[in-house]
PDB file of N, CA and C in Angstrom:
ATOM      1  N   MET A   1     105.994  81.391 103.621  1.00  0.00           N
ATOM      2  CA  MET A   1     105.251  82.490 103.192  1.00  0.00           C
ATOM      3  C   MET A   1     103.968  81.589 102.437  1.00  0.00           C
ATOM      4  N   LYS A   2     102.663  81.954 102.597  1.00  0.00           N
ATOM      5  CA  LYS A   2     101.576  81.079 101.885  1.00  0.00           C
ATOM      6  C   LYS A   2     101.214  82.507 100.607  1.00  0.00           C
ATOM      7  N   ILE A   3     101.232  81.785  99.554  1.00  0.00           N
ATOM      8  CA  ILE A   3     100.846  82.553  98.265  1.00  0.00           C
ATOM      9  C   ILE A   3      99.538  81.886  97.671  1.00  0.00           C
ATOM     10  N   GLU A   4      98.406  82.950  97.735  1.00  0.00           N
ATOM     11  CA  GLU A   4      97.180  82.450  97.100  1.00  0.00           C
ATOM     12  C   GLU A   4      97.124  83.142  95.621  1.00  0.00           C
ATOM     13  N   ILE A   5      96.644  82.398  94.937  1.00  0.00           N
ATOM     14  CA  ILE A   5      96.792  83.104  93.610  1.00  0.00           C
ATOM     15  C   ILE A   5      95.131  82.760  92.909  1.00  0.00           C
ATOM     16  N   SER A   6      94.589  83.675  92.349  1.00  0.00           N
ATOM     17  CA  SER A   6      93.222  83.470  91.810  1.00  0.00           C
ATOM     18  C   SER A   6      93.332  84.276  90.355  1.00  0.00           C
ATOM     19  N   GLY A   7      92.464  83.973  89.591  1.00  0.00           N
ATOM     20  CA  GLY A   7      92.195  84.436  88.418  1.00  0.00           C
ATOM     21  C   GLY A   7      90.772  85.099  88.123  1.00  0.00           C
ATOM     22  N   HIS A   8      90.439  86.143  87.541  1.00  0.00           N
ATOM     23  CA  HIS A   8      89.496  86.692  86.740  1.00  0.00           C
ATOM     24  C   HIS A   8      89.532  87.003  85.532  1.00  0.00           C
ATOM     25  N   HIS A   9      88.621  86.167  84.869  1.00  0.00           N
ATOM     26  CA  HIS A   9      88.446  85.835  83.402  1.00  0.00           C
ATOM     27  C   HIS A   9      89.763  85.348  82.818  1.00  0.00           C
ATOM     28  N   VAL A  10      90.634  84.334  83.590  1.00  0.00           N
ATOM     29  CA  VAL A  10      91.641  83.835  83.248  1.00  0.00           C
ATOM     30  C   VAL A  10      91.832  82.397  83.992  1.00  0.00           C
ATOM     31  N   GLU A  11      92.239  81.321  83.343  1.00  0.00           N
ATOM     32  CA  GLU A  11      92.421  80.179  84.191  1.00  0.00           C
ATOM     33  C   GLU A  11      93.927  80.271  84.772  1.00  0.00           C
ATOM     34  N   ILE A  12      94.073  80.183  85.835  1.00  0.00           N
ATOM     35  CA  ILE A  12      95.500  80.013  86.525  1.00  0.00           C
ATOM     36  C   ILE A  12      96.259  78.831  85.724  1.00  0.00           C
ATOM     37  N   THR A  13      97.105  79.026  85.092  1.00  0.00           N
ATOM     38  CA  THR A  13      97.945  77.879  84.494  1.00  0.00           C
ATOM     39  C   THR A  13      98.902  77.540  85.288  1.00  0.00           C
ATOM     40  N   GLU A  14      99.794  76.192  85.284  1.00  0.00           N
ATOM     41  CA  GLU A  14     100.929  76.114  86.149  1.00  0.00           C
ATOM     42  C   GLU A  14     102.111  76.868  85.848  1.00  0.00           C
ATOM     43  N   ALA A  15     102.322  77.485  84.658  1.00  0.00           N
ATOM     44  CA  ALA A  15     103.394  78.452  84.327  1.00  0.00           C
ATOM     45  C   ALA A  15     103.027  79.821  85.301  1.00  0.00           C
ATOM     46  N   ILE A  16     102.049  80.181  85.268  1.00  0.00           N
ATOM     47  CA  ILE A  16     101.604  81.573  85.739  1.00  0.00           C
ATOM     48  C   ILE A  16     101.727  81.282  87.458  1.00  0.00           C
ATOM     49  N   LYS A  17     101.203  80.261  87.723  1.00  0.00           N
ATOM     50  CA  LYS A  17     101.368  79.867  89.028  1.00  0.00           C
ATOM     51  C   LYS A  17     102.978  79.795  89.620  1.00  0.00           C
ATOM     52  N   GLN A  18     103.625  79.078  88.881  1.00  0.00           N
ATOM     53  CA  GLN A  18     105.120  79.059  89.360  1.00  0.00           C
ATOM     54  C   GLN A  18     105.844  80.456  89.109  1.00  0.00           C
ATOM     55  N   SER A  19     105.457  81.254  88.188  1.00  0.00           N
ATOM     56  CA  SER A  19     106.082  82.405  88.034  1.00  0.00           C
ATOM     57  C   SER A  19     105.809  83.420  89.032  1.00  0.00           C
ATOM     58  N   VAL A  20     104.500  83.240  89.530  1.00  0.00           N
ATOM     59  CA  VAL A  20     104.175  84.139  90.692  1.00  0.00           C
ATOM     60  C   VAL A  20     104.809  83.677  91.998  1.00  0.00           C
ATOM     61  N   GLU A  21     104.739  82.445  92.280  1.00  0.00           N
ATOM     62  CA  GLU A  21     105.286  81.991  93.487  1.00  0.00           C
ATOM     63  C   GLU A  21     106.826  82.092  93.486  1.00  0.00           C
ATOM     64  N   ASN A  22     107.529  81.921  92.481  1.00  0.00           N
ATOM     65  CA  ASN A  22     108.955  82.394  92.350  1.00  0.00           C
ATOM     66  C   ASN A  22     109.500  83.871  92.452  1.00  0.00           C
ATOM     67  N   LYS A  23     108.760  84.601  91.876  1.00  0.00           N
ATOM     68  CA  LYS A  23     108.873  85.926  91.904  1.00  0.00           C
ATOM     69  C   LYS A  23     108.586  86.630  93.517  1.00  0.00           C
ATOM     70  N   PHE A  24     107.441  86.202  94.090  1.00  0.00           N
ATOM     71  CA  PHE A  24     107.254  86.450  95.207  1.00  0.00           C
ATOM     72  C   PHE A  24     107.741  85.772  96.336  1.00  0.00           C
ATOM     73  N   SER A  25     108.189  84.715  96.297  1.00  0.00           N
ATOM     74  CA  SER A  25     109.173  83.935  97.336  1.00  0.00           C
ATOM     75  C   SER A  25     110.056  84.746  97.689  1.00  0.00           C
ATOM     76  N   LYS A  26     110.778  85.305  96.810  1.00  0.00           N
ATOM     77  CA  LYS A  26     111.972  86.040  97.197  1.00  0.00           C
ATOM     78  C   LYS A  26     111.755  87.125  98.335  1.00  0.00           C
ATOM     79  N   ILE A  27     110.512  87.987  97.995  1.00  0.00           N
ATOM     80  CA  ILE A  27     110.151  88.817  99.173  1.00  0.00           C
ATOM     81  C   ILE A  27     109.893  88.391 100.486  1.00  0.00           C
ATOM     82  N   GLY A  28     109.420  87.072 100.509  1.00  0.00           N
ATOM     83  CA  GLY A  28     109.291  86.419 101.823  1.00  0.00           C
ATOM     84  C   GLY A  28     110.659  86.085 102.618  1.00  0.00           C
ATOM     85  N   GLN A  29     111.676  85.847 101.691  1.00  0.00           N
ATOM     86  CA  GLN A  29     112.889  85.850 102.450  1.00  0.00           C
ATOM     87  C   GLN A  29     113.467  86.988 103.084  1.00  0.00           C
ATOM     88  N   HIS A  30     113.126  88.184 102.453  1.00  0.00           N
ATOM     89  CA  HIS A  30     113.457  89.701 103.048  1.00  0.00           C
ATOM     90  C   HIS A  30     112.848  90.148 104.060  1.00  0.00           C
ATOM     91  N   TYR A  31     111.334  89.671 103.947  1.00  0.00           N
ATOM     92  CA  TYR A  31     110.221  90.045 104.961  1.00  0.00           C
ATOM     93  C   TYR A  31     109.604  88.808 105.552  1.00  0.00           C
ATOM     94  N   PRO A  32     110.277  88.132 106.499  1.00  0.00           N
ATOM     95  CA  PRO A  32     109.849  87.037 107.151  1.00  0.00           C
ATOM     96  C   PRO A  32     108.484  87.081 107.969  1.00  0.00           C
ATOM     97  N   ASP A  33     108.182  88.370 108.360  1.00  0.00           N
ATOM     98  CA  ASP A  33     107.195  88.505 109.038  1.00  0.00           C
ATOM     99  C   ASP A  33     105.798  88.505 108.201  1.00  0.00           C
ATOM    100  N   ILE A  34     105.994  88.403 106.798  1.00  0.00           N
ATOM    101  CA  ILE A  34     104.692  88.443 106.121  1.00  0.00           C
ATOM    102  C   ILE A  34     104.399  87.045 106.091  1.00  0.00           C
ATOM    103  N   MET A  35     103.091  86.582 106.567  1.00  0.00           N
ATOM    104  CA  MET A  35     102.954  85.458 106.542  1.00  0.00           C
ATOM    105  C   MET A  35     101.886  84.796 105.361  1.00  0.00           C
ATOM    106  N   SER A  36     101.306  85.813 104.694  1.00  0.00           N
ATOM    107  CA  SER A  36     100.462  85.256 103.519  1.00  0.00           C
ATOM    108  C   SER A  36     100.478  86.293 102.337  1.00  0.00           C
ATOM    109  N   LEU A  37     100.202  85.900 100.961  1.00  0.00           N
ATOM    110  CA  LEU A  37     100.140  86.880 100.095  1.00  0.00           C
ATOM    111  C   LEU A  37      99.304  86.494  99.102  1.00  0.00           C
ATOM    112  N   HIS A  38      98.272  87.580  98.805  1.00  0.00           N
ATOM    113  CA  HIS A  38      97.158  87.257  97.928  1.00  0.00           C
ATOM    114  C   HIS A  38      97.150  87.887  96.599  1.00  0.00           C
ATOM    115  N   ALA A  39      97.190  87.177  95.364  1.00  0.00           N
ATOM    116  CA  ALA A  39      97.498  87.726  94.216  1.00  0.00           C
ATOM    117  C   ALA A  39      96.264  87.491  93.202  1.00  0.00           C
ATOM    118  N   ILE A  40      95.905  88.382  92.503  1.00  0.00           N
ATOM    119  CA  ILE A  40      94.772  88.302  91.521  1.00  0.00           C
ATOM    120  C   ILE A  40      95.029  88.794  90.336  1.00  0.00           C
ATOM    121  N   VAL A  41      95.037  87.791  89.266  1.00  0.00           N
ATOM    122  CA  VAL A  41      95.231  87.879  88.025  1.00  0.00           C
ATOM    123  C   VAL A  41      94.155  88.235  87.211  1.00  0.00           C
ATOM    124  N   THR A  42      94.377  89.233  86.445  1.00  0.00           N
ATOM    125  CA  THR A  42      92.921  89.811  85.500  1.00  0.00           C
ATOM    126  C   THR A  42      93.259  89.684  84.297  1.00  0.00           C
ATOM    127  N   VAL A  43      92.714  89.274  83.202  1.00  0.00           N
ATOM    128  CA  VAL A  43      92.923  89.629  81.738  1.00  0.00           C
ATOM    129  C   VAL A  43      91.759  90.681  81.274  1.00  0.00           C
ATOM    130  N   GLU A  44      92.046  91.529  80.598  1.00  0.00           N
ATOM    131  CA  GLU A  44      91.178  92.670  80.258  1.00  0.00           C
ATOM    132  C   GLU A  44      91.586  92.703  78.679  1.00  0.00           C
ATOM    133  N   ARG A  45      90.702  93.492  78.002  1.00  0.00           N
ATOM    134  CA  ARG A  45      90.840  93.623  76.620  1.00  0.00           C
ATOM    135  C   ARG A  45      92.341  93.609  76.031  1.00  0.00           C
ATOM    136  N   ASN A  46      93.198  94.617  76.420  1.00  0.00           N
ATOM    137  CA  ASN A  46      94.045  94.843  75.862  1.00  0.00           C
ATOM    138  C   ASN A  46      95.427  94.800  76.986  1.00  0.00           C
ATOM    139  N   ALA A  47      94.870  94.574  78.061  1.00  0.00           N
ATOM    140  CA  ALA A  47      96.036  94.516  79.096  1.00  0.00           C
ATOM    141  C   ALA A  47      95.875  93.183  80.109  1.00  0.00           C
ATOM    142  N   GLN A  48      97.000  92.584  80.800  1.00  0.00           N
ATOM    143  CA  GLN A  48      96.987  91.956  81.920  1.00  0.00           C
ATOM    144  C   GLN A  48      97.252  92.573  83.170  1.00  0.00           C
ATOM    145  N   LYS A  49      96.587  92.387  84.121  1.00  0.00           N
ATOM    146  CA  LYS A  49      96.752  93.070  85.262  1.00  0.00           C
ATOM    147  C   LYS A  49      96.854  92.031  86.397  1.00  0.00           C
ATOM    148  N   ILE A  50      97.760  92.339  87.786  1.00  0.00           N
ATOM    149  CA  ILE A  50      97.866  91.751  88.555  1.00  0.00           C
ATOM    150  C   ILE A  50      97.762  92.625  89.803  1.00  0.00           C
ATOM    151  N   GLU A  51      97.036  92.210  90.865  1.00  0.00           N
ATOM    152  CA  GLU A  51      96.831  92.840  92.215  1.00  0.00           C
ATOM    153  C   GLU A  51      97.267  92.056  93.248  1.00  0.00           C
ATOM    154  N   VAL A  52      98.055  92.667  94.187  1.00  0.00           N
ATOM    155  CA  VAL A  52      98.723  91.706  95.306  1.00  0.00           C
ATOM    156  C   VAL A  52      98.471  92.727  96.428  1.00  0.00           C
ATOM    157  N   SER A  53      98.080  91.829  97.571  1.00  0.00           N
ATOM    158  CA  SER A  53      97.694  92.389  98.775  1.00  0.00           C
ATOM    159  C   SER A  53      98.478  91.364  99.651  1.00  0.00           C
ATOM    160  N   THR A  54      98.880  92.135 100.909  1.00  0.00           N
ATOM    161  CA  THR A  54      99.571  91.452 102.159  1.00  0.00           C
ATOM    162  C   THR A  54      99.439  92.464 103.151  1.00  0.00           C
ATOM    163  N   VAL A  55      99.801  91.824 104.379  1.00  0.00           N
ATOM    164  CA  VAL A  55      99.554  92.458 105.829  1.00  0.00           C
ATOM    165  C   VAL A  55     100.909  92.542 106.256  1.00  0.00           C
ATOM    166  N   TYR A  56     101.516  93.617 106.551  1.00  0.00           N
ATOM    167  CA  TYR A  56     102.978  93.660 106.908  1.00  0.00           C
ATOM    168  C   TYR A  56     103.015  94.885 108.087  1.00  0.00           C
ATOM    169  N   GLU A  57     103.213  94.108 109.709  1.00  0.00           N
ATOM    170  CA  GLU A  57     103.380  94.720 110.603  1.00  0.00           C
ATOM    171  C   GLU A  57     102.259  95.472 111.021  1.00  0.00           C
ATOM    172  N   GLY A  58     100.903  94.646 110.859  1.00  0.00           N
ATOM    173  CA  GLY A  58      99.603  95.491 111.120  1.00  0.00           C
ATOM    174  C   GLY A  58      98.880  96.334 109.957  1.00  0.00           C
ATOM    175  N   VAL A  59      99.776  96.383 108.659  1.00  0.00           N
ATOM    176  CA  VAL A  59      99.250  97.402 107.757  1.00  0.00           C
ATOM    177  C   VAL A  59      98.935  96.816 106.574  1.00  0.00           C
ATOM    178  N   SER A  60      97.974  96.803 106.017  1.00  0.00           N
ATOM    179  CA  SER A  60      97.575  96.152 104.750  1.00  0.00           C
ATOM    180  C   SER A  60      98.336  97.077 103.479  1.00  0.00           C
ATOM    181  N   ILE A  61      99.089  96.286 102.758  1.00  0.00           N
ATOM    182  CA  ILE A  61      99.651  96.885 101.709  1.00  0.00           C
ATOM    183  C   ILE A  61      99.032  95.902 100.305  1.00  0.00           C
ATOM    184  N   SER A  62      98.688  96.871  99.494  1.00  0.00           N
ATOM    185  CA  SER A  62      98.347  96.378  98.052  1.00  0.00           C
ATOM    186  C   SER A  62      99.034  97.122  96.855  1.00  0.00           C
ATOM    187  N   VAL A  63      99.340  96.380  95.958  1.00  0.00           N
ATOM    188  CA  VAL A  63      99.751  96.948  94.831  1.00  0.00           C
ATOM    189  C   VAL A  63      99.240  96.542  93.446  1.00  0.00           C
ATOM    190  N   ASN A  64      99.142  97.213  92.437  1.00  0.00           N
ATOM    191  CA  ASN A  64      98.583  96.724  91.230  1.00  0.00           C
ATOM    192  C   ASN A  64      99.702  97.224  90.157  1.00  0.00           C
ATOM    193  N   ALA A  65      99.538  96.233  89.165  1.00  0.00           N
ATOM    194  CA  ALA A  65     100.405  96.496  88.101  1.00  0.00           C
ATOM    195  C   ALA A  65      99.811  95.963  86.913  1.00  0.00           C
ATOM    196  N   THR A  66      99.697  96.655  85.568  1.00  0.00           N
ATOM    197  CA  THR A  66      99.125  96.278  84.215  1.00  0.00           C
ATOM    198  C   THR A  66     100.338  96.284  82.916  1.00  0.00           C
ATOM    199  N   ASP A  67     100.267  95.379  82.210  1.00  0.00           N
ATOM    200  CA  ASP A  67     101.005  95.348  81.054  1.00  0.00           C
ATOM    201  C   ASP A  67     100.139  94.661  80.105  1.00  0.00           C
ATOM    202  N   LYS A  68     100.820  94.708  78.811  1.00  0.00           N
ATOM    203  CA  LYS A  68     100.493  93.769  77.725  1.00  0.00           C
ATOM    204  C   LYS A  68     100.851  92.406  78.118  1.00  0.00           C
ATOM    205  N   GLU A  69     101.911  92.208  78.619  1.00  0.00           N
ATOM    206  CA  GLU A  69     102.390  90.986  78.870  1.00  0.00           C
ATOM    207  C   GLU A  69     102.021  90.448  80.440  1.00  0.00           C
ATOM    208  N   LEU A  70     101.792  89.484  80.737  1.00  0.00           N
ATOM    209  CA  LEU A  70     101.470  89.191  82.053  1.00  0.00           C
ATOM    210  C   LEU A  70     103.029  89.108  82.937  1.00  0.00           C
ATOM    211  N   TYR A  71     103.860  88.340  82.205  1.00  0.00           N
ATOM    212  CA  TYR A  71     105.052  88.320  83.179  1.00  0.00           C
ATOM    213  C   TYR A  71     105.672  89.496  83.361  1.00  0.00           C
ATOM    214  N   VAL A  72     105.352  90.518  82.579  1.00  0.00           N
ATOM    215  CA  VAL A  72     105.926  91.763  82.834  1.00  0.00           C
ATOM    216  C   VAL A  72     105.421  92.663  84.029  1.00  0.00           C
ATOM    217  N   ALA A  73     103.898  92.301  83.939  1.00  0.00           N
ATOM    218  CA  ALA A  73     103.159  93.006  84.995  1.00  0.00           C
ATOM    219  C   ALA A  73     103.429  92.252  86.390  1.00  0.00           C
ATOM    220  N   ILE A  74     103.745  90.857  86.189  1.00  0.00           N
ATOM    221  CA  ILE A  74     104.186  90.127  87.672  1.00  0.00           C
ATOM    222  C   ILE A  74     105.424  90.955  88.068  1.00  0.00           C
ATOM    223  N   ALA A  75     106.647  91.073  87.247  1.00  0.00           N
ATOM    224  CA  ALA A  75     107.760  91.600  87.669  1.00  0.00           C
ATOM    225  C   ALA A  75     107.417  93.010  88.125  1.00  0.00           C
ATOM    226  N   SER A  76     106.789  93.648  87.525  1.00  0.00           N
ATOM    227  CA  SER A  76     106.389  95.188  87.875  1.00  0.00           C
ATOM    228  C   SER A  76     105.649  95.021  89.265  1.00  0.00           C
ATOM    229  N   ALA A  77     104.786  94.404  89.669  1.00  0.00           N
ATOM    230  CA  ALA A  77     104.308  94.310  91.117  1.00  0.00           C
ATOM    231  C   ALA A  77     105.243  93.714  91.866  1.00  0.00           C
ATOM    232  N   VAL A  78     106.052  93.103  91.554  1.00  0.00           N
ATOM    233  CA  VAL A  78     106.984  92.556  92.577  1.00  0.00           C
ATOM    234  C   VAL A  78     107.991  93.690  93.055  1.00  0.00           C
ATOM    235  N   LYS A  79     108.160  94.562  92.066  1.00  0.00           N
ATOM    236  CA  LYS A  79     109.172  95.976  92.483  1.00  0.00           C
ATOM    237  C   LYS A  79     108.347  96.677  93.099  1.00  0.00           C
ATOM    238  N   LYS A  80     106.993  97.008  92.911  1.00  0.00           N
ATOM    239  CA  LYS A  80     106.234  97.963  93.608  1.00  0.00           C
ATOM    240  C   LYS A  80     106.019  97.422  94.905  1.00  0.00           C
ATOM    241  N   LEU A  81     106.053  96.111  95.020  1.00  0.00           N
ATOM    242  CA  LEU A  81     105.572  95.652  96.464  1.00  0.00           C
ATOM    243  C   LEU A  81     107.126  95.470  97.375  1.00  0.00           C
ATOM    244  N   GLU A  82     108.005  95.387  96.678  1.00  0.00           N
ATOM    245  CA  GLU A  82     109.182  95.413  97.252  1.00  0.00           C
ATOM    246  C   GLU A  82     109.529  96.988  97.906  1.00  0.00           C
ATOM    247  N   SER A  83     109.057  98.117  97.107  1.00  0.00           N
ATOM    248  CA  SER A  83     109.339  99.388  97.417  1.00  0.00           C
ATOM    249  C   SER A  83     108.454  99.900  98.462  1.00  0.00           C
ATOM    250  N   SER A  84     107.073  99.409  98.486  1.00  0.00           N
ATOM    251  CA  SER A  84     106.221  99.714  99.343  1.00  0.00           C
ATOM    252  C   SER A  84     106.610  98.828 100.922  1.00  0.00           C
ATOM    253  N   LEU A  85     106.875  97.872 100.701  1.00  0.00           N
ATOM    254  CA  LEU A  85     107.524  97.012 102.044  1.00  0.00           C
ATOM    255  C   LEU A  85     108.824  97.703 102.609  1.00  0.00           C
ATOM    256  N   SER A  86     109.585  98.248 101.878  1.00  0.00           N
ATOM    257  CA  SER A  86     110.906  98.905 102.403  1.00  0.00           C
ATOM    258  C   SER A  86     110.300 100.114 102.803  1.00  0.00           C
ATOM    259  N   HIS A  87     109.639 100.886 102.229  1.00  0.00           N
ATOM    260  CA  HIS A  87     109.010 102.196 102.829  1.00  0.00           C
ATOM    261  C   HIS A  87     108.300 102.025 104.180  1.00  0.00           C
ATOM    262  N   ARG A  88     107.545 101.106 104.138  1.00  0.00           N
ATOM    263  CA  ARG A  88     106.928 100.610 105.498  1.00  0.00           C
ATOM    264  C   ARG A  88     107.925 100.167 106.559  1.00  0.00           C
ATOM    265  N   LYS A  89     108.805  99.667 106.159  1.00  0.00           N
ATOM    266  CA  LYS A  89     110.008  99.058 107.071  1.00  0.00           C
ATOM    267  C   LYS A  89     110.920 100.594 107.531  1.00  0.00           C
ATOM    268  N   GLY A  90     111.065 101.315 106.537  1.00  0.00           N
ATOM    269  CA  GLY A  90     111.773 102.652 107.163  1.00  0.00           C
ATOM    270  C   GLY A  90     110.832 103.737 108.006  1.00  0.00           C
ATOM    271  N   VAL A  91     109.372 103.133 107.755  1.00  0.00           N
ATOM    272  CA  VAL A  91     108.709 104.219 108.716  1.00  0.00           C
ATOM    273  C   VAL A  91     108.924 103.553 110.397  1.00  0.00           C
ATOM    274  N   LEU A  92     108.744 102.320 109.964  1.00  0.00           N
ATOM    275  CA  LEU A  92     108.866 101.593 111.431  1.00  0.00           C
ATOM    276  C   LEU A  92     109.948 102.132 112.152  1.00  0.00           C
ATOM    277  N   LYS A  93     111.256 101.922 111.374  1.00  0.00           N
ATOM    278  CA  LYS A  93     112.303 102.519 111.894  1.00  0.00           C
ATOM    279  C   LYS A  93     112.679 103.949 112.533  1.00  0.00           C
ATOM    280  N   ALA A  94     112.169 104.995 111.847  1.00  0.00           N
ATOM    281  CA  ALA A  94     112.007 106.125 111.970  1.00  0.00           C
ATOM    282  C   ALA A  94     111.209 106.207 113.353  1.00  0.00           C
ATOM    283  N   ASN A  95     109.867 105.593 113.482  1.00  0.00           N
ATOM    284  CA  ASN A  95     109.017 105.897 114.493  1.00  0.00           C
ATOM    285  C   ASN A  95     109.825 105.239 115.743  1.00  0.00           C
ATOM    286  N   LEU A  96     110.752 104.259 115.678  1.00  0.00           N
ATOM    287  CA  LEU A  96     111.197 103.286 116.799  1.00  0.00           C
ATOM    288  C   LEU A  96     112.143 104.398 117.380  1.00  0.00           C
ATOM    289  N   HIS A  97     113.100 105.113 116.562  1.00  0.00           N
ATOM    290  CA  HIS A  97     114.089 106.021 116.829  1.00  0.00           C
ATOM    291  C   HIS A  97     113.811 107.194 117.383  1.00  0.00           C
ATOM    292  N   ASN A  98     112.488 107.746 117.255  1.00  0.00           N
ATOM    293  CA  ASN A  98     111.923 108.972 117.620  1.00  0.00           C
ATOM    294  C   ASN A  98     111.150 109.021 118.579  1.00  0.00           C
ATOM    295  N   LYS A  99     110.936 107.555 119.297  1.00  0.00           N
ATOM    296  CA  LYS A  99     110.341 107.543 120.731  1.00  0.00           C
ATOM    297  C   LYS A  99     111.337 107.848 121.950  1.00  0.00           C
ATOM    298  N   PRO A 100     111.098 108.804 122.793  1.00  0.00           N
ATOM    299  CA  PRO A 100     111.921 109.034 123.854  1.00  0.00           C
ATOM    300  C   PRO A 100     111.987 108.090 124.823  1.00  0.00           C
ATOM    301  N   HIS A 101     113.163 107.733 125.587  1.00  0.00           N
ATOM    302  CA  HIS A 101     113.317 106.515 126.256  1.00  0.00           C
ATOM    303  C   HIS A 101     112.929 107.068 127.548  1.00  0.00           C
ATOM    304  N   SER A 102     112.298 106.014 128.478  1.00  0.00           N
ATOM    305  CA  SER A 102     111.998 106.325 129.838  1.00  0.00           C
ATOM    306  C   SER A 102     112.771 106.902 130.893  1.00  0.00           C
ATOM    307  N   ALA A 103     114.147 106.384 130.568  1.00  0.00           N
ATOM    308  CA  ALA A 103     115.254 106.983 131.348  1.00  0.00           C
ATOM    309  C   ALA A 103     115.630 108.484 131.132  1.00  0.00           C
ATOM    310  N   GLU A 104     115.406 108.876 129.967  1.00  0.00           N
ATOM    311  CA  GLU A 104     115.433 110.222 129.733  1.00  0.00           C
ATOM    312  C   GLU A 104     114.280 111.152 130.405  1.00  0.00           C
ATOM    313  N   LEU A 105     113.147 110.585 130.247  1.00  0.00           N
ATOM    314  CA  LEU A 105     111.913 111.349 130.879  1.00  0.00           C
ATOM    315  C   LEU A 105     112.277 111.603 132.356  1.00  0.00           C
ATOM    316  N   VAL A 106     112.610 110.479 133.043  1.00  0.00           N
ATOM    317  CA  VAL A 106     112.799 110.369 134.458  1.00  0.00           C
ATOM    318  C   VAL A 106     114.159 111.565 134.910  1.00  0.00           C
ATOM    319  N   LEU A 107     114.996 111.636 134.006  1.00  0.00           N
ATOM    320  CA  LEU A 107     116.197 112.635 134.488  1.00  0.00           C
ATOM    321  C   LEU A 107     115.500 114.186 134.264  1.00  0.00           C
ATOM    322  N   ASP A 108     114.743 114.303 133.108  1.00  0.00           N
ATOM    323  CA  ASP A 108     113.972 115.538 132.894  1.00  0.00           C
ATOM    324  C   ASP A 108     113.192 116.073 134.140  1.00  0.00           C
ATOM    325  N   GLU A 109     112.586 115.118 134.706  1.00  0.00           N
ATOM    326  CA  GLU A 109     111.557 115.323 135.708  1.00  0.00           C
ATOM    327  C   GLU A 109     112.198 115.751 137.038  1.00  0.00           C
ATOM    328  N   VAL A 110     113.470 115.315 137.313  1.00  0.00           N
ATOM    329  CA  VAL A 110     114.229 115.433 138.526  1.00  0.00           C
ATOM    330  C   VAL A 110     114.787 116.426 138.761  1.00  0.00           C
TER     331      VAL A 110
END
């Protein structure tokens, strides 16, 4: 999985880059269909913010996390993204099971 990291009002240090890559690479192992992930780190007056966006099964998923500590915000964003991806995966499974099979349609018509 390709992880792109950019900063807004902050220089992306090697430690920030390693932390983001380590945390989000675990998501790539659970969801191998994700090809890329884009993270934007923003430093505001009293808060550190991270915005993460990706595409999973044709749907764009984005999450935001804000905290006083950047590494806490990164961990929170990972949890939120995992939750969003698992919800999307559940929706896909539910839709798969709700589709009528073509064999059932033929039997009903005859």
